[in-house]
Protein backbone atom coordinates (compact mmCIF):
# COMPACT_ATOMS: atom_id res chain seq x y z
CA UNK A 1 0.00 0.00 0.00
CA UNK A 2 1.08 3.59 -0.44
CA UNK A 3 0.07 6.89 1.12
CA UNK A 4 -0.56 9.27 -1.77
CA UNK A 5 -1.81 12.00 0.57
CA UNK A 6 0.26 14.94 1.84
CA UNK A 7 -0.51 14.18 5.47
CA UNK A 8 0.21 11.12 7.64
CA UNK A 9 -2.60 8.55 7.85
CA UNK A 10 -3.58 5.86 10.33
CA UNK A 11 -5.06 2.66 8.93
CA UNK A 12 -6.90 -0.16 10.60
CA UNK A 13 -6.76 -3.35 8.52
CA UNK A 14 -8.72 -6.46 9.49
CA UNK A 15 -8.07 -9.59 7.42
CA UNK A 16 -10.40 -12.59 7.86
CA UNK A 17 -8.91 -15.98 6.97
CA UNK A 18 -10.34 -19.42 6.26
CA UNK A 19 -7.61 -21.24 8.12
CA UNK A 20 -5.25 -20.84 11.08
CA UNK A 21 -3.14 -17.65 11.01
CA UNK A 22 0.49 -18.38 11.90
CA UNK A 23 2.47 -15.16 11.49
CA UNK A 24 2.02 -11.50 10.65
CA UNK A 25 4.48 -8.72 9.89
CA UNK A 26 4.44 -5.22 11.36
CA UNK A 27 3.08 -6.29 14.74
CA UNK A 28 -0.13 -7.69 13.27
CA UNK A 29 -2.38 -9.12 15.97
CA UNK A 30 -3.37 -12.72 15.30
CA UNK A 31 -6.58 -14.22 16.63
CA UNK A 32 -8.13 -17.65 16.17
CA UNK A 33 -11.87 -18.36 16.28
CA UNK A 34 -12.00 -20.83 19.19
CA UNK A 35 -15.56 -21.89 18.30
CA UNK A 36 -14.32 -23.55 15.09
CA UNK A 37 -11.28 -25.68 15.83
CA UNK A 38 -11.99 -28.64 13.53
CA UNK A 39 -9.51 -28.81 10.65
CA UNK A 40 -12.11 -28.02 7.97
CA UNK A 41 -13.71 -25.21 9.99
CA UNK A 42 -10.69 -23.28 11.28
CA UNK A 43 -11.02 -19.53 10.98
CA UNK A 44 -8.95 -16.64 12.20
CA UNK A 45 -8.05 -13.05 11.57
CA UNK A 46 -5.15 -10.64 11.61
CA UNK A 47 -5.50 -7.00 12.55
CA UNK A 48 -2.96 -4.28 11.84
CA UNK A 49 -2.86 -0.69 13.05
CA UNK A 50 -0.56 1.08 10.60
CA UNK A 51 0.66 4.68 10.52
CA UNK A 52 2.05 5.88 7.21
CA UNK A 53 3.91 9.08 6.42
CA UNK A 54 3.22 11.00 3.19
CA UNK A 55 4.59 9.05 0.21
CA UNK A 56 5.46 6.01 2.33
CA UNK A 57 4.99 2.51 0.90
CA UNK A 58 4.42 -0.57 3.03
CA UNK A 59 3.85 -4.25 2.33
CA UNK A 60 2.17 -6.39 4.96
CA UNK A 61 2.97 -10.09 5.04
CA UNK A 62 1.27 -12.99 6.75
CA UNK A 63 1.21 -16.76 6.81
CA UNK A 64 -1.52 -19.24 7.57
CA UNK A 65 -2.31 -22.92 7.24
CA UNK A 66 -5.44 -24.38 5.76
CA UNK A 67 -6.49 -28.01 5.68
CA UNK A 68 -7.53 -29.20 2.23
CA UNK A 69 -8.80 -32.79 2.16
CA UNK A 70 -7.77 -35.05 -0.71
CA UNK A 71 -10.69 -37.11 -1.95
């Protein structure tokens, strides 16, 4: 992402995942839906609070695992 504005901005980014989040860059906060812990039903999210200066570019990275059955 890139801040094209002339003033600093604060962003709140909430990413919902079908799977178990494992890692997140830039101090992303990982949470797992504890109501759905079966392999096929795992869900989680990652939330970032990001401050960007004018013209600044940033790339957020994350990793997760998802069970895919082989039939």
